[in-house]
């Protein structure tokens, strides 16, 4: 028998879940620059080779709350081996990679997976931001607020990641306690920008557009 208990803090509330349509959120933010065209595909299209990343100037990988869990009925993984290969090959062509999600680092547990994060995205996972529940983020010359608590409007990033720069990478955003929330790499070979929380969890659409423009 399993004995559990709960409080009443969510009683009577309708809690927002994942609507799985955040390509629209990202596209709206990108499209504030009228010179950029946007198209989308599933991660499976990249992994099975039916979509060629080489024809795009930038790839925006939307990971949200995606992570591997042995209890799942469907296999979800932030960076499958095939995705790692595709992104590494794309970087060799001089591409630009944007990744955002809450479990980018913690879902990569083996030495080879951690090496991928360090070599391609120039980051290492430090931990998940649990002790400080503030949704305030600073970076790219502005500040913003993300959904950190369960609510009726939008799914929440309750455990965003603290990601630290390695090699030539540098921290580009910080949480309220000054720990690193995003890591950027701007090399002569390719560019990468990784955010330790889902981009779509930024509350303000105008801030979304501002941040995307800065990236």
N, C-alpha and C. Protein backbone atom coordinates (compact mmCIF):
# COMPACT_ATOMS: atom_id res chain seq x y z
N UNK A 1 0.84 -1.19 0.00
CA UNK A 1 0.00 0.00 0.00
C UNK A 1 0.88 1.25 0.00
N UNK A 2 0.41 2.27 -0.71
CA UNK A 2 1.10 3.55 -0.74
C UNK A 2 0.23 4.59 -0.06
N UNK A 3 0.81 5.25 0.92
CA UNK A 3 0.07 6.29 1.65
C UNK A 3 0.53 7.66 1.15
N UNK A 4 -0.39 8.49 0.75
CA UNK A 4 -0.06 9.82 0.25
C UNK A 4 -0.91 10.87 0.97
N UNK A 5 -0.50 12.09 0.82
CA UNK A 5 -1.29 13.19 1.37
C UNK A 5 -1.11 14.40 0.46
N UNK A 6 -2.02 15.34 0.56
CA UNK A 6 -1.94 16.55 -0.25
C UNK A 6 -2.60 17.69 0.50
N UNK A 7 -2.29 18.90 0.03
CA UNK A 7 -2.90 20.08 0.60
C UNK A 7 -4.11 20.50 -0.22
N UNK A 8 -4.62 21.68 0.07
CA UNK A 8 -5.81 22.18 -0.63
C UNK A 8 -5.49 23.43 -1.44
N UNK A 9 -4.16 23.69 -1.67
CA UNK A 9 -3.79 24.95 -2.30
C UNK A 9 -4.27 25.08 -3.75
N UNK A 10 -4.50 23.93 -4.43
CA UNK A 10 -4.98 23.99 -5.82
C UNK A 10 -6.47 23.70 -5.93
N UNK A 11 -7.13 23.54 -4.80
CA UNK A 11 -8.55 23.18 -4.82
C UNK A 11 -9.38 24.27 -5.49
N UNK A 12 -10.23 23.86 -6.42
CA UNK A 12 -11.11 24.80 -7.10
C UNK A 12 -10.49 25.53 -8.27
N UNK A 13 -9.19 25.25 -8.56
CA UNK A 13 -8.52 25.95 -9.66
C UNK A 13 -8.48 25.07 -10.90
N UNK A 14 -8.58 25.71 -12.05
CA UNK A 14 -8.32 25.05 -13.32
C UNK A 14 -6.86 25.33 -13.66
N UNK A 15 -6.04 24.28 -13.79
CA UNK A 15 -4.62 24.45 -14.03
C UNK A 15 -4.30 24.21 -15.50
N UNK A 16 -3.60 25.16 -16.09
CA UNK A 16 -3.26 25.07 -17.52
C UNK A 16 -2.27 23.95 -17.76
N UNK A 17 -2.48 23.22 -18.83
CA UNK A 17 -1.55 22.17 -19.24
C UNK A 17 -0.84 22.55 -20.51
N UNK A 18 -0.12 21.60 -21.08
CA UNK A 18 0.63 21.82 -22.30
C UNK A 18 -0.30 21.69 -23.50
N UNK A 19 -0.41 22.73 -24.31
CA UNK A 19 -1.28 22.72 -25.48
C UNK A 19 -0.54 22.29 -26.75
N UNK A 20 0.77 22.11 -26.65
CA UNK A 20 1.58 21.59 -27.75
C UNK A 20 1.47 22.41 -29.04
N UNK A 21 1.24 23.71 -28.92
CA UNK A 21 1.15 24.56 -30.11
C UNK A 21 2.12 25.74 -30.01
N UNK A 22 3.26 25.51 -29.40
CA UNK A 22 4.16 26.64 -29.11
C UNK A 22 5.05 27.03 -30.28
N UNK A 23 4.93 26.29 -31.39
CA UNK A 23 5.54 26.78 -32.63
C UNK A 23 4.96 28.17 -32.95
N UNK A 24 3.68 28.33 -32.69
CA UNK A 24 3.03 29.62 -32.95
C UNK A 24 3.62 30.72 -32.07
N UNK A 25 3.85 30.43 -30.80
CA UNK A 25 4.44 31.43 -29.90
C UNK A 25 5.82 31.85 -30.38
N UNK A 26 6.66 30.87 -30.71
CA UNK A 26 8.00 31.16 -31.18
C UNK A 26 7.95 31.91 -32.51
N UNK A 27 7.07 31.48 -33.42
CA UNK A 27 6.97 32.11 -34.73
C UNK A 27 6.51 33.56 -34.62
N UNK A 28 5.56 33.81 -33.73
CA UNK A 28 5.10 35.19 -33.53
C UNK A 28 6.22 36.09 -33.06
N UNK A 29 7.07 35.57 -32.16
CA UNK A 29 8.19 36.36 -31.66
C UNK A 29 9.22 36.59 -32.76
N UNK A 30 9.50 35.57 -33.54
CA UNK A 30 10.48 35.70 -34.62
C UNK A 30 9.98 36.65 -35.70
N UNK A 31 8.69 36.60 -36.00
CA UNK A 31 8.13 37.34 -37.13
C UNK A 31 8.06 38.84 -36.92
N UNK A 32 8.43 39.30 -35.72
CA UNK A 32 8.53 40.76 -35.53
C UNK A 32 9.63 41.33 -36.42
N UNK A 33 10.59 40.50 -36.78
CA UNK A 33 11.56 40.88 -37.81
C UNK A 33 10.96 40.46 -39.14
N UNK A 34 10.48 41.42 -39.91
CA UNK A 34 9.71 41.13 -41.11
C UNK A 34 10.54 40.54 -42.24
N UNK A 35 11.87 40.47 -42.04
CA UNK A 35 12.73 39.92 -43.09
C UNK A 35 12.92 38.41 -42.96
N UNK A 36 12.37 37.82 -41.91
CA UNK A 36 12.61 36.41 -41.63
C UNK A 36 11.36 35.58 -41.94
N UNK A 37 11.55 34.50 -42.67
CA UNK A 37 10.49 33.54 -42.92
C UNK A 37 10.65 32.36 -41.95
N UNK A 38 9.53 31.77 -41.56
CA UNK A 38 9.53 30.68 -40.59
C UNK A 38 8.77 29.49 -41.15
N UNK A 39 9.33 28.30 -41.00
CA UNK A 39 8.59 27.08 -41.25
C UNK A 39 8.89 26.12 -40.11
N UNK A 40 8.08 25.08 -39.97
CA UNK A 40 8.25 24.19 -38.82
C UNK A 40 8.13 22.73 -39.25
N UNK A 41 8.68 21.87 -38.40
CA UNK A 41 8.55 20.43 -38.60
C UNK A 41 8.69 19.76 -37.23
N UNK A 42 8.41 18.49 -37.16
CA UNK A 42 8.58 17.74 -35.93
C UNK A 42 10.04 17.33 -35.77
N UNK A 43 10.41 16.98 -34.56
CA UNK A 43 11.77 16.48 -34.33
C UNK A 43 11.99 15.17 -35.07
N UNK A 44 10.91 14.40 -35.26
CA UNK A 44 11.03 13.13 -35.96
C UNK A 44 11.44 13.33 -37.42
N UNK A 45 11.00 14.44 -38.03
CA UNK A 45 11.37 14.72 -39.41
C UNK A 45 12.88 14.96 -39.54
N UNK A 46 13.45 15.53 -38.50
CA UNK A 46 14.90 15.75 -38.50
C UNK A 46 15.63 14.44 -38.24
N UNK A 47 15.14 13.68 -37.30
CA UNK A 47 15.81 12.44 -36.90
C UNK A 47 15.77 11.38 -38.00
N UNK A 48 14.70 11.35 -38.79
CA UNK A 48 14.64 10.35 -39.86
C UNK A 48 15.18 10.85 -41.19
N UNK A 49 15.71 12.09 -41.19
CA UNK A 49 16.38 12.62 -42.36
C UNK A 49 15.48 13.18 -43.45
N UNK A 50 14.18 13.29 -43.20
CA UNK A 50 13.28 13.81 -44.22
C UNK A 50 13.31 15.33 -44.32
N UNK A 51 13.92 15.99 -43.32
CA UNK A 51 14.07 17.45 -43.35
C UNK A 51 15.55 17.79 -43.28
N UNK A 52 16.03 18.57 -44.24
CA UNK A 52 17.43 18.96 -44.33
C UNK A 52 17.64 20.29 -43.61
N UNK A 53 18.36 20.27 -42.50
CA UNK A 53 18.59 21.50 -41.73
C UNK A 53 19.53 22.46 -42.47
N UNK A 54 20.32 21.94 -43.38
CA UNK A 54 21.33 22.76 -44.03
C UNK A 54 20.79 23.92 -44.83
N UNK A 55 19.52 23.92 -45.17
CA UNK A 55 18.96 25.01 -45.97
C UNK A 55 18.42 26.16 -45.11
N UNK A 56 18.59 26.04 -43.79
CA UNK A 56 18.07 27.08 -42.89
C UNK A 56 19.20 27.85 -42.22
N UNK A 57 18.97 29.14 -42.01
CA UNK A 57 19.97 29.99 -41.33
C UNK A 57 20.00 29.70 -39.83
N UNK A 58 18.85 29.31 -39.26
CA UNK A 58 18.77 29.08 -37.82
C UNK A 58 17.77 27.96 -37.55
N UNK A 59 18.06 27.17 -36.55
CA UNK A 59 17.15 26.11 -36.09
C UNK A 59 16.74 26.42 -34.66
N UNK A 60 15.44 26.46 -34.41
CA UNK A 60 14.88 26.71 -33.08
C UNK A 60 14.26 25.40 -32.59
N UNK A 61 14.93 24.76 -31.65
CA UNK A 61 14.46 23.47 -31.12
C UNK A 61 13.65 23.73 -29.85
N UNK A 62 12.36 23.43 -29.91
CA UNK A 62 11.44 23.69 -28.80
C UNK A 62 11.30 22.42 -27.97
N UNK A 63 11.90 22.39 -26.78
CA UNK A 63 11.86 21.19 -25.95
C UNK A 63 10.86 21.27 -24.80
N UNK A 64 10.48 22.47 -24.38
CA UNK A 64 9.46 22.60 -23.33
C UNK A 64 9.81 21.83 -22.07
N UNK A 65 8.93 20.90 -21.67
CA UNK A 65 9.16 20.06 -20.50
C UNK A 65 9.56 18.64 -20.91
N UNK A 66 10.02 18.49 -22.13
CA UNK A 66 10.36 17.17 -22.65
C UNK A 66 11.56 16.57 -21.92
N UNK A 67 11.46 15.30 -21.57
CA UNK A 67 12.57 14.57 -20.96
C UNK A 67 12.24 13.09 -20.97
N UNK A 68 13.26 12.29 -20.78
CA UNK A 68 13.07 10.84 -20.75
C UNK A 68 12.64 10.41 -19.35
N UNK A 69 11.65 9.54 -19.30
CA UNK A 69 11.15 9.01 -18.04
C UNK A 69 10.74 7.56 -18.29
N UNK A 70 11.23 6.65 -17.48
CA UNK A 70 10.93 5.23 -17.68
C UNK A 70 9.45 4.90 -17.53
N UNK A 71 8.68 5.80 -16.94
CA UNK A 71 7.25 5.54 -16.74
C UNK A 71 6.41 5.99 -17.93
N UNK A 72 7.03 6.65 -18.91
CA UNK A 72 6.28 7.16 -20.05
C UNK A 72 5.88 6.04 -21.00
N UNK A 73 4.73 6.21 -21.63
CA UNK A 73 4.27 5.27 -22.63
C UNK A 73 4.92 5.56 -23.98
N UNK A 74 5.36 6.81 -24.18
CA UNK A 74 6.03 7.22 -25.41
C UNK A 74 7.43 7.68 -25.07
N UNK A 75 8.41 7.36 -25.91
CA UNK A 75 9.79 7.72 -25.66
C UNK A 75 10.01 9.19 -25.99
N UNK A 76 10.25 10.00 -24.96
CA UNK A 76 10.61 11.40 -25.14
C UNK A 76 12.03 11.59 -24.63
N UNK A 77 12.84 12.24 -25.42
CA UNK A 77 14.23 12.51 -25.05
C UNK A 77 14.60 13.85 -25.64
N UNK A 78 15.27 14.67 -24.84
CA UNK A 78 15.65 16.00 -25.32
C UNK A 78 16.51 15.89 -26.58
N UNK A 79 17.63 15.16 -26.48
CA UNK A 79 18.52 14.99 -27.62
C UNK A 79 18.76 13.49 -27.82
N UNK A 80 18.01 12.89 -28.73
CA UNK A 80 18.27 11.51 -29.08
C UNK A 80 19.60 11.44 -29.82
N UNK A 81 20.21 10.25 -29.93
CA UNK A 81 21.46 10.14 -30.70
C UNK A 81 21.34 10.70 -32.12
N UNK A 82 20.20 10.45 -32.78
CA UNK A 82 20.00 10.96 -34.13
C UNK A 82 19.90 12.49 -34.15
N UNK A 83 19.25 13.06 -33.13
CA UNK A 83 19.16 14.52 -33.05
C UNK A 83 20.53 15.12 -32.80
N UNK A 84 21.31 14.49 -31.94
CA UNK A 84 22.68 14.96 -31.69
C UNK A 84 23.49 14.98 -32.98
N UNK A 85 23.39 13.93 -33.75
CA UNK A 85 24.13 13.84 -35.01
C UNK A 85 23.69 14.92 -35.98
N UNK A 86 22.37 15.14 -36.07
CA UNK A 86 21.83 16.14 -37.00
C UNK A 86 22.27 17.54 -36.62
N UNK A 87 22.23 17.88 -35.34
CA UNK A 87 22.62 19.21 -34.91
C UNK A 87 24.12 19.43 -35.06
N UNK A 88 24.92 18.42 -34.76
CA UNK A 88 26.36 18.53 -34.92
C UNK A 88 26.73 18.74 -36.39
N UNK A 89 26.07 18.00 -37.28
CA UNK A 89 26.31 18.15 -38.71
C UNK A 89 25.90 19.54 -39.18
N UNK A 90 24.78 20.03 -38.67
CA UNK A 90 24.30 21.37 -39.03
C UNK A 90 25.27 22.44 -38.56
N UNK A 91 25.82 22.27 -37.36
CA UNK A 91 26.79 23.24 -36.84
C UNK A 91 28.04 23.29 -37.72
N UNK A 92 28.42 22.15 -38.26
CA UNK A 92 29.61 22.11 -39.13
C UNK A 92 29.41 22.89 -40.42
N UNK A 93 28.15 23.15 -40.79
CA UNK A 93 27.87 23.95 -41.98
C UNK A 93 27.79 25.44 -41.65
N UNK A 94 28.02 25.80 -40.37
CA UNK A 94 27.98 27.20 -39.97
C UNK A 94 26.63 27.67 -39.51
N UNK A 95 25.76 26.76 -39.11
CA UNK A 95 24.41 27.12 -38.72
C UNK A 95 24.32 27.82 -37.37
N UNK A 96 23.11 28.22 -37.01
CA UNK A 96 22.83 28.85 -35.71
C UNK A 96 21.74 28.04 -35.02
N UNK A 97 21.97 27.70 -33.76
CA UNK A 97 21.08 26.80 -33.03
C UNK A 97 20.51 27.51 -31.81
N UNK A 98 19.19 27.49 -31.67
CA UNK A 98 18.51 28.00 -30.48
C UNK A 98 17.77 26.83 -29.84
N UNK A 99 18.02 26.60 -28.57
CA UNK A 99 17.36 25.52 -27.83
C UNK A 99 16.79 26.08 -26.53
N UNK A 100 15.57 25.69 -26.19
CA UNK A 100 15.01 26.09 -24.89
C UNK A 100 14.22 24.94 -24.30
N UNK A 101 14.30 24.80 -22.98
CA UNK A 101 13.57 23.75 -22.29
C UNK A 101 14.02 23.62 -20.85
N UNK A 102 13.23 22.93 -20.05
CA UNK A 102 13.50 22.82 -18.61
C UNK A 102 14.41 21.67 -18.22
N UNK A 103 14.66 20.73 -19.16
CA UNK A 103 15.43 19.54 -18.78
C UNK A 103 16.54 19.23 -19.79
N UNK A 104 17.10 20.26 -20.37
CA UNK A 104 18.14 20.11 -21.38
C UNK A 104 19.37 19.40 -20.80
N UNK A 105 19.77 19.79 -19.62
CA UNK A 105 20.96 19.21 -19.01
C UNK A 105 20.68 17.96 -18.20
N UNK A 106 19.63 17.99 -17.40
CA UNK A 106 19.36 16.86 -16.50
C UNK A 106 18.91 15.62 -17.25
N UNK A 107 18.46 15.76 -18.49
CA UNK A 107 18.05 14.61 -19.28
C UNK A 107 19.23 13.95 -20.00
N UNK A 108 20.40 14.59 -19.91
CA UNK A 108 21.60 14.07 -20.56
C UNK A 108 22.54 13.57 -19.47
N UNK A 109 22.52 12.27 -19.21
CA UNK A 109 23.16 11.74 -18.01
C UNK A 109 24.47 11.01 -18.26
N UNK A 110 24.66 10.44 -19.43
CA UNK A 110 25.90 9.68 -19.68
C UNK A 110 27.05 10.62 -19.99
N UNK A 111 28.25 10.09 -19.94
CA UNK A 111 29.44 10.90 -20.26
C UNK A 111 29.38 11.41 -21.69
N UNK A 112 28.92 10.57 -22.61
CA UNK A 112 28.83 10.97 -24.02
C UNK A 112 27.80 12.08 -24.20
N UNK A 113 26.69 11.98 -23.47
CA UNK A 113 25.64 13.01 -23.58
C UNK A 113 26.11 14.33 -22.99
N UNK A 114 26.80 14.28 -21.86
CA UNK A 114 27.33 15.51 -21.26
C UNK A 114 28.40 16.13 -22.15
N UNK A 115 29.18 15.27 -22.81
CA UNK A 115 30.20 15.75 -23.74
C UNK A 115 29.56 16.48 -24.92
N UNK A 116 28.42 15.98 -25.38
CA UNK A 116 27.68 16.64 -26.46
C UNK A 116 27.27 18.04 -26.05
N UNK A 117 26.71 18.18 -24.85
CA UNK A 117 26.29 19.49 -24.37
C UNK A 117 27.47 20.46 -24.29
N UNK A 118 28.59 19.96 -23.81
CA UNK A 118 29.76 20.81 -23.64
C UNK A 118 30.39 21.19 -24.97
N UNK A 119 30.49 20.24 -25.88
CA UNK A 119 31.19 20.50 -27.14
C UNK A 119 30.34 21.30 -28.13
N UNK A 120 29.03 21.03 -28.18
CA UNK A 120 28.19 21.72 -29.16
C UNK A 120 27.54 22.98 -28.60
N UNK A 121 26.95 22.87 -27.40
CA UNK A 121 26.22 24.01 -26.82
C UNK A 121 27.06 24.79 -25.82
N UNK A 122 28.24 24.29 -25.52
CA UNK A 122 29.19 24.97 -24.63
C UNK A 122 28.59 25.24 -23.24
N UNK A 123 28.00 24.19 -22.68
CA UNK A 123 27.39 24.34 -21.36
C UNK A 123 27.51 23.05 -20.57
N UNK A 124 27.32 23.18 -19.27
CA UNK A 124 27.17 22.03 -18.40
C UNK A 124 26.00 22.30 -17.46
N UNK A 125 25.33 21.22 -17.07
CA UNK A 125 24.19 21.33 -16.17
C UNK A 125 24.68 21.40 -14.73
N UNK A 126 24.19 22.40 -14.00
CA UNK A 126 24.57 22.58 -12.60
C UNK A 126 23.49 22.03 -11.67
N UNK A 127 22.24 22.22 -12.04
CA UNK A 127 21.12 21.76 -11.21
C UNK A 127 19.84 22.42 -11.70
N UNK A 128 18.74 22.10 -11.03
CA UNK A 128 17.47 22.74 -11.35
C UNK A 128 17.14 23.79 -10.31
N UNK A 129 16.56 24.88 -10.77
CA UNK A 129 16.28 26.03 -9.91
C UNK A 129 15.03 25.74 -9.08
N UNK A 130 15.23 25.23 -7.87
CA UNK A 130 14.12 24.85 -7.02
C UNK A 130 14.02 25.70 -5.76
N UNK A 131 15.16 26.17 -5.26
CA UNK A 131 15.17 26.87 -3.98
C UNK A 131 14.63 28.29 -4.08
N UNK A 132 14.72 28.88 -5.27
CA UNK A 132 14.24 30.26 -5.46
C UNK A 132 13.09 30.24 -6.46
N UNK A 133 11.84 30.38 -6.01
CA UNK A 133 10.69 30.26 -6.90
C UNK A 133 10.39 31.50 -7.73
N UNK A 134 11.22 32.52 -7.64
CA UNK A 134 10.96 33.75 -8.38
C UNK A 134 10.99 33.48 -9.89
N UNK A 135 10.09 34.15 -10.61
CA UNK A 135 10.05 34.00 -12.06
C UNK A 135 10.79 35.10 -12.80
N UNK A 136 11.56 35.91 -12.08
CA UNK A 136 12.27 37.02 -12.71
C UNK A 136 13.54 36.54 -13.41
N UNK A 137 13.74 37.02 -14.63
CA UNK A 137 14.91 36.69 -15.43
C UNK A 137 15.53 37.98 -15.93
N UNK A 138 16.86 38.05 -15.92
CA UNK A 138 17.57 39.20 -16.47
C UNK A 138 18.48 38.74 -17.60
N UNK A 139 18.56 39.57 -18.65
CA UNK A 139 19.47 39.23 -19.73
C UNK A 139 19.16 39.97 -21.01
N UNK A 140 20.13 40.06 -21.90
CA UNK A 140 20.00 40.71 -23.20
C UNK A 140 19.49 42.15 -23.05
N UNK A 141 19.95 42.82 -22.02
CA UNK A 141 19.62 44.23 -21.82
C UNK A 141 18.22 44.49 -21.31
N UNK A 142 17.55 43.48 -20.80
CA UNK A 142 16.19 43.68 -20.31
C UNK A 142 15.91 42.69 -19.18
N UNK A 143 14.72 42.74 -18.64
CA UNK A 143 14.29 41.76 -17.64
C UNK A 143 12.90 41.29 -18.03
N UNK A 144 12.54 40.13 -17.52
CA UNK A 144 11.25 39.54 -17.89
C UNK A 144 10.79 38.64 -16.76
N UNK A 145 9.60 38.12 -16.89
CA UNK A 145 9.06 37.20 -15.90
C UNK A 145 8.54 35.97 -16.61
N UNK A 146 8.81 34.81 -16.04
CA UNK A 146 8.30 33.56 -16.62
C UNK A 146 7.30 32.93 -15.66
N UNK A 147 6.48 32.05 -16.21
CA UNK A 147 5.54 31.29 -15.39
C UNK A 147 6.31 30.25 -14.60
N UNK A 148 6.39 30.40 -13.28
CA UNK A 148 7.07 29.45 -12.41
C UNK A 148 6.11 28.63 -11.55
N UNK A 149 4.93 29.19 -11.30
CA UNK A 149 3.94 28.52 -10.44
C UNK A 149 2.77 28.02 -11.28
N UNK A 150 2.17 26.91 -10.86
CA UNK A 150 0.98 26.41 -11.53
C UNK A 150 -0.09 27.49 -11.55
N UNK A 151 -0.79 27.63 -12.68
CA UNK A 151 -1.74 28.72 -12.84
C UNK A 151 -2.78 28.34 -13.89
N UNK A 152 -3.75 29.24 -14.10
CA UNK A 152 -4.85 28.96 -15.01
C UNK A 152 -4.56 29.37 -16.45
N UNK A 153 -3.45 30.11 -16.69
CA UNK A 153 -3.22 30.70 -18.01
C UNK A 153 -2.25 29.91 -18.88
N UNK A 154 -1.20 29.38 -18.26
CA UNK A 154 -0.11 28.80 -19.06
C UNK A 154 0.62 27.75 -18.23
N UNK A 155 1.12 26.72 -18.90
CA UNK A 155 1.88 25.72 -18.15
C UNK A 155 3.12 26.36 -17.55
N UNK A 156 3.57 25.85 -16.42
CA UNK A 156 4.63 26.50 -15.65
C UNK A 156 5.94 25.73 -15.75
N UNK A 157 7.04 26.47 -15.72
CA UNK A 157 8.38 25.89 -15.62
C UNK A 157 8.73 25.86 -14.14
N UNK A 158 8.30 24.81 -13.45
CA UNK A 158 8.47 24.75 -12.00
C UNK A 158 9.89 24.39 -11.60
N UNK A 159 10.67 23.83 -12.54
CA UNK A 159 12.04 23.42 -12.22
C UNK A 159 12.99 23.79 -13.35
N UNK A 160 13.10 25.08 -13.68
CA UNK A 160 14.02 25.47 -14.75
C UNK A 160 15.46 25.13 -14.38
N UNK A 161 16.31 25.06 -15.39
CA UNK A 161 17.67 24.58 -15.15
C UNK A 161 18.69 25.70 -14.99
N UNK A 162 19.65 25.43 -14.13
CA UNK A 162 20.83 26.27 -14.01
C UNK A 162 21.88 25.66 -14.93
N UNK A 163 22.25 26.39 -15.98
CA UNK A 163 23.24 25.89 -16.92
C UNK A 163 24.43 26.84 -16.94
N UNK A 164 25.61 26.29 -16.88
CA UNK A 164 26.84 27.06 -16.76
C UNK A 164 27.65 26.95 -18.03
N UNK A 165 28.26 28.04 -18.44
CA UNK A 165 29.04 28.07 -19.67
C UNK A 165 30.34 27.29 -19.53
N UNK A 166 30.72 26.63 -20.61
CA UNK A 166 32.01 25.95 -20.69
C UNK A 166 32.75 26.45 -21.93
N UNK A 167 34.06 26.30 -21.93
CA UNK A 167 34.85 26.69 -23.10
C UNK A 167 34.63 28.15 -23.48
N UNK A 168 34.27 28.37 -24.73
CA UNK A 168 34.08 29.72 -25.25
C UNK A 168 32.66 30.24 -25.04
N UNK A 169 31.82 29.48 -24.34
CA UNK A 169 30.46 29.93 -24.07
C UNK A 169 30.43 30.99 -22.98
N UNK A 170 29.31 31.70 -22.88
CA UNK A 170 29.15 32.71 -21.84
C UNK A 170 27.69 32.78 -21.40
N UNK A 171 27.49 33.15 -20.14
CA UNK A 171 26.14 33.27 -19.61
C UNK A 171 25.44 34.48 -20.22
N UNK A 172 24.21 34.30 -20.71
CA UNK A 172 23.49 35.38 -21.37
C UNK A 172 22.22 35.79 -20.63
N UNK A 173 21.79 34.99 -19.66
CA UNK A 173 20.63 35.32 -18.83
C UNK A 173 20.88 34.79 -17.43
N UNK A 174 20.27 35.43 -16.44
CA UNK A 174 20.39 34.97 -15.07
C UNK A 174 19.04 34.97 -14.38
N UNK A 175 18.92 34.07 -13.39
CA UNK A 175 17.74 34.05 -12.54
C UNK A 175 17.86 35.14 -11.48
N UNK A 176 16.84 35.25 -10.63
CA UNK A 176 16.82 36.30 -9.61
C UNK A 176 17.97 36.18 -8.63
N UNK A 177 18.48 34.95 -8.41
CA UNK A 177 19.60 34.77 -7.49
C UNK A 177 20.95 34.81 -8.19
N UNK A 178 20.94 35.26 -9.44
CA UNK A 178 22.16 35.48 -10.24
C UNK A 178 22.80 34.19 -10.76
N UNK A 179 22.11 33.06 -10.64
CA UNK A 179 22.61 31.85 -11.28
C UNK A 179 22.27 31.90 -12.77
N UNK A 180 23.02 31.15 -13.57
CA UNK A 180 22.91 31.26 -15.02
C UNK A 180 21.68 30.55 -15.57
N UNK A 181 20.91 31.28 -16.38
CA UNK A 181 19.68 30.74 -16.97
C UNK A 181 19.82 30.45 -18.46
N UNK A 182 20.86 30.96 -19.09
CA UNK A 182 21.06 30.76 -20.53
C UNK A 182 22.55 30.86 -20.85
N UNK A 183 22.96 30.12 -21.87
CA UNK A 183 24.35 30.12 -22.30
C UNK A 183 24.40 30.36 -23.81
N UNK A 184 25.29 31.24 -24.22
CA UNK A 184 25.45 31.54 -25.64
C UNK A 184 26.86 31.21 -26.11
N UNK A 185 26.97 30.89 -27.37
CA UNK A 185 28.27 30.68 -28.00
C UNK A 185 28.25 31.39 -29.35
N UNK A 186 29.20 32.28 -29.56
CA UNK A 186 29.27 33.04 -30.81
C UNK A 186 30.67 32.86 -31.40
N UNK A 187 30.82 31.83 -32.20
CA UNK A 187 32.12 31.52 -32.78
C UNK A 187 32.17 31.87 -34.25
N UNK A 188 33.34 31.69 -34.83
CA UNK A 188 33.49 31.88 -36.27
C UNK A 188 32.96 30.69 -37.06
N UNK A 189 32.76 29.57 -36.36
CA UNK A 189 32.29 28.36 -37.02
C UNK A 189 30.77 28.23 -37.01
N UNK A 190 30.12 28.49 -35.89
CA UNK A 190 28.67 28.45 -35.78
C UNK A 190 28.27 29.21 -34.52
N UNK A 191 26.96 29.31 -34.29
CA UNK A 191 26.46 29.99 -33.10
C UNK A 191 25.42 29.14 -32.40
N UNK A 192 25.33 29.30 -31.09
CA UNK A 192 24.35 28.54 -30.30
C UNK A 192 23.85 29.39 -29.14
N UNK A 193 22.58 29.24 -28.83
CA UNK A 193 21.96 29.94 -27.70
C UNK A 193 21.03 28.95 -27.01
N UNK A 194 21.31 28.65 -25.75
CA UNK A 194 20.54 27.66 -25.01
C UNK A 194 19.91 28.29 -23.78
N UNK A 195 18.60 28.11 -23.62
CA UNK A 195 17.85 28.68 -22.50
C UNK A 195 17.38 27.56 -21.59
N UNK A 196 17.63 27.69 -20.30
CA UNK A 196 17.32 26.64 -19.33
C UNK A 196 15.88 26.60 -18.87
N UNK A 197 15.00 27.27 -19.57
CA UNK A 197 13.56 27.22 -19.32
C UNK A 197 12.86 27.33 -20.68
N UNK A 198 11.61 26.90 -20.79
CA UNK A 198 10.91 27.02 -22.07
C UNK A 198 10.70 28.48 -22.46
N UNK A 199 11.12 28.84 -23.65
CA UNK A 199 10.96 30.22 -24.13
C UNK A 199 9.51 30.66 -24.04
N UNK A 200 8.58 29.76 -24.35
CA UNK A 200 7.17 30.12 -24.37
C UNK A 200 6.62 30.43 -22.99
N UNK A 201 7.39 30.15 -21.92
CA UNK A 201 6.95 30.47 -20.57
C UNK A 201 7.21 31.93 -20.20
N UNK A 202 7.87 32.69 -21.07
CA UNK A 202 7.98 34.13 -20.85
C UNK A 202 6.58 34.72 -20.93
N UNK A 203 6.18 35.46 -19.93
CA UNK A 203 4.78 35.88 -19.82
C UNK A 203 4.37 36.91 -20.88
N UNK A 204 5.23 37.86 -21.18
CA UNK A 204 4.84 38.98 -22.04
C UNK A 204 5.22 38.72 -23.50
N UNK A 205 4.25 38.81 -24.43
CA UNK A 205 4.58 38.65 -25.85
C UNK A 205 5.57 39.69 -26.35
N UNK A 206 5.50 40.91 -25.82
CA UNK A 206 6.46 41.93 -26.24
C UNK A 206 7.87 41.59 -25.78
N UNK A 207 7.97 41.00 -24.59
CA UNK A 207 9.28 40.54 -24.11
C UNK A 207 9.77 39.36 -24.93
N UNK A 208 8.86 38.48 -25.32
CA UNK A 208 9.24 37.37 -26.18
C UNK A 208 9.87 37.89 -27.48
N UNK A 209 9.22 38.88 -28.06
CA UNK A 209 9.73 39.45 -29.32
C UNK A 209 11.08 40.13 -29.10
N UNK A 210 11.22 40.84 -27.99
CA UNK A 210 12.47 41.53 -27.68
C UNK A 210 13.61 40.54 -27.48
N UNK A 211 13.33 39.48 -26.73
CA UNK A 211 14.36 38.47 -26.46
C UNK A 211 14.73 37.74 -27.74
N UNK A 212 13.73 37.36 -28.52
CA UNK A 212 14.03 36.66 -29.78
C UNK A 212 14.83 37.55 -30.72
N UNK A 213 14.52 38.83 -30.75
CA UNK A 213 15.29 39.76 -31.57
C UNK A 213 16.73 39.87 -31.10
N UNK A 214 16.92 39.87 -29.79
CA UNK A 214 18.28 39.93 -29.25
C UNK A 214 19.08 38.67 -29.56
N UNK A 215 18.41 37.53 -29.50
CA UNK A 215 19.08 36.26 -29.81
C UNK A 215 19.48 36.24 -31.27
